[in-house]
Amino acid sequence: MQVFANVATQPERKTSKSTGKHYYEFRVAESQRGVDAQPTWYTCRVMKEAKPELDKGDFVKVTGKLKADFYLSREGKPTGTLLIIAFEASKIARPQALSVAEEG
């Protein structure tokens, strides 16, 4: 799956409890063209030792496998998140809108 989205949280280094390997995790918000009142939120896990060159607010392309991650919240309620196990997460240039001079 491929997602074009805005990075919403700073990538954070974490360690897998089962394997002991390090990975980076961050949240992204994908919205459709125009103003999207309710973007789709994903948690991205980049399974690499090297820190991704991403910052909060960057427009990125994320490629990976989509999974649904279910767990109990702190209040004990079942909840879940859309999780992308990413093998690529790279910053891309945001498409620029046409100016009035270019349109006419």
Protein backbone atom coordinates (compact mmCIF):
# COMPACT_ATOMS: atom_id res chain seq x y z
CA MET A 1 0.00 0.00 0.00
CA GLN A 2 1.09 3.57 -0.62
CA VAL A 3 0.00 6.63 1.34
CA PHE A 4 0.73 10.30 0.66
CA ALA A 5 0.29 12.12 3.95
CA ASN A 6 1.53 14.72 6.43
CA VAL A 7 3.74 13.66 9.33
CA ALA A 8 1.80 14.48 12.51
CA THR A 9 4.29 13.38 15.19
CA GLN A 10 8.08 13.41 15.38
CA PRO A 11 9.55 9.94 14.56
CA GLU A 12 10.38 8.16 17.82
CA ARG A 13 12.87 5.30 18.25
CA LYS A 14 11.38 2.20 19.87
CA THR A 15 12.51 -1.35 20.61
CA SER A 16 10.56 -4.49 19.73
CA LYS A 17 9.67 -6.49 22.85
CA SER A 18 9.80 -9.79 20.95
CA THR A 19 12.98 -9.37 18.87
CA GLY A 20 14.88 -6.56 20.62
CA LYS A 21 15.37 -4.76 17.27
CA HIS A 22 14.96 -1.00 16.95
CA TYR A 23 12.44 0.75 14.72
CA TYR A 24 10.98 4.24 14.31
CA GLU A 25 7.31 5.05 14.77
CA PHE A 26 5.28 8.15 13.90
CA ARG A 27 1.72 9.15 12.98
CA VAL A 28 0.57 10.49 9.62
CA ALA A 29 -2.69 12.05 8.41
CA GLU A 30 -3.85 11.42 4.85
CA SER A 31 -6.46 13.73 3.37
CA GLN A 32 -8.07 13.79 -0.04
CA ARG A 33 -7.89 16.70 -2.47
CA GLY A 34 -9.36 19.91 -1.20
CA VAL A 35 -10.26 20.41 2.41
CA ASP A 36 -10.86 17.06 4.08
CA ALA A 37 -12.60 17.54 7.42
CA GLN A 38 -11.76 13.98 8.55
CA PRO A 39 -8.36 12.71 7.40
CA THR A 40 -7.40 9.04 7.69
CA TRP A 41 -4.83 8.49 10.44
CA TYR A 42 -2.11 5.83 10.33
CA THR A 43 0.66 4.78 12.67
CA CYS A 44 3.83 4.09 10.64
CA ARG A 45 6.62 1.77 11.77
CA VAL A 46 9.82 2.05 9.78
CA MET A 47 11.69 -1.17 10.50
CA LYS A 48 15.22 0.24 10.09
CA GLU A 49 17.99 1.16 12.49
CA ALA A 50 18.66 4.49 10.73
CA LYS A 51 16.48 7.42 11.78
CA PRO A 52 14.21 8.56 8.94
CA GLU A 53 14.97 12.08 7.73
CA LEU A 54 11.45 13.26 8.57
CA ASP A 55 10.03 16.01 10.74
CA LYS A 56 6.56 16.88 11.94
CA GLY A 57 4.72 18.68 9.11
CA ASP A 58 6.65 17.03 6.23
CA PHE A 59 4.66 15.71 3.26
CA VAL A 60 5.69 12.07 2.78
CA LYS A 61 5.17 8.96 0.69
CA VAL A 62 4.91 5.82 2.83
CA THR A 63 5.03 2.36 1.23
CA GLY A 64 4.42 -0.79 3.20
CA LYS A 65 1.97 -3.37 4.49
CA LEU A 66 -1.30 -2.26 6.10
CA LYS A 67 -2.42 -4.00 9.29
CA ALA A 68 -5.12 -3.38 11.86
CA ASP A 69 -3.59 -3.21 15.36
CA PHE A 70 -6.10 -3.94 18.15
CA TYR A 71 -5.38 -3.43 21.85
CA LEU A 72 -6.97 -2.40 25.16
CA SER A 73 -6.87 1.30 25.97
CA ARG A 74 -5.70 2.64 29.34
CA GLU A 75 -9.36 2.67 30.38
CA GLY A 76 -9.62 -1.04 29.50
CA LYS A 77 -11.75 -0.50 26.38
CA PRO A 78 -10.96 -2.38 23.14
CA THR A 79 -9.60 0.01 20.50
CA GLY A 80 -7.42 -0.12 17.43
CA THR A 81 -5.35 1.76 14.90
CA LEU A 82 -4.36 1.41 11.25
CA LEU A 83 -0.70 0.41 11.21
CA ILE A 84 1.65 0.56 8.23
CA ILE A 85 4.72 -1.66 8.49
CA ALA A 86 6.81 0.56 6.21
CA PHE A 87 9.78 -0.39 4.11
CA GLU A 88 9.94 3.15 2.69
CA ALA A 89 9.03 6.53 4.17
CA SER A 90 10.43 9.47 2.24
CA LYS A 91 9.84 13.20 2.18
CA ILE A 92 8.47 14.53 -1.11
CA ALA A 93 7.82 17.99 -2.45
CA ARG A 94 4.25 19.15 -1.97
CA PRO A 95 2.53 19.89 -5.31
CA GLN A 96 2.15 23.62 -5.82
CA ALA A 97 -1.21 25.14 -6.76
CA LEU A 98 -1.41 27.00 -10.06
CA SER A 99 -1.13 30.74 -9.70
CA VAL A 100 -3.73 33.06 -11.26
CA ALA A 101 -1.17 34.14 -13.94
CA GLU A 102 -0.54 30.53 -15.02
CA GLU A 103 -4.27 29.74 -15.27
CA GLY A 104 -5.21 32.65 -17.49
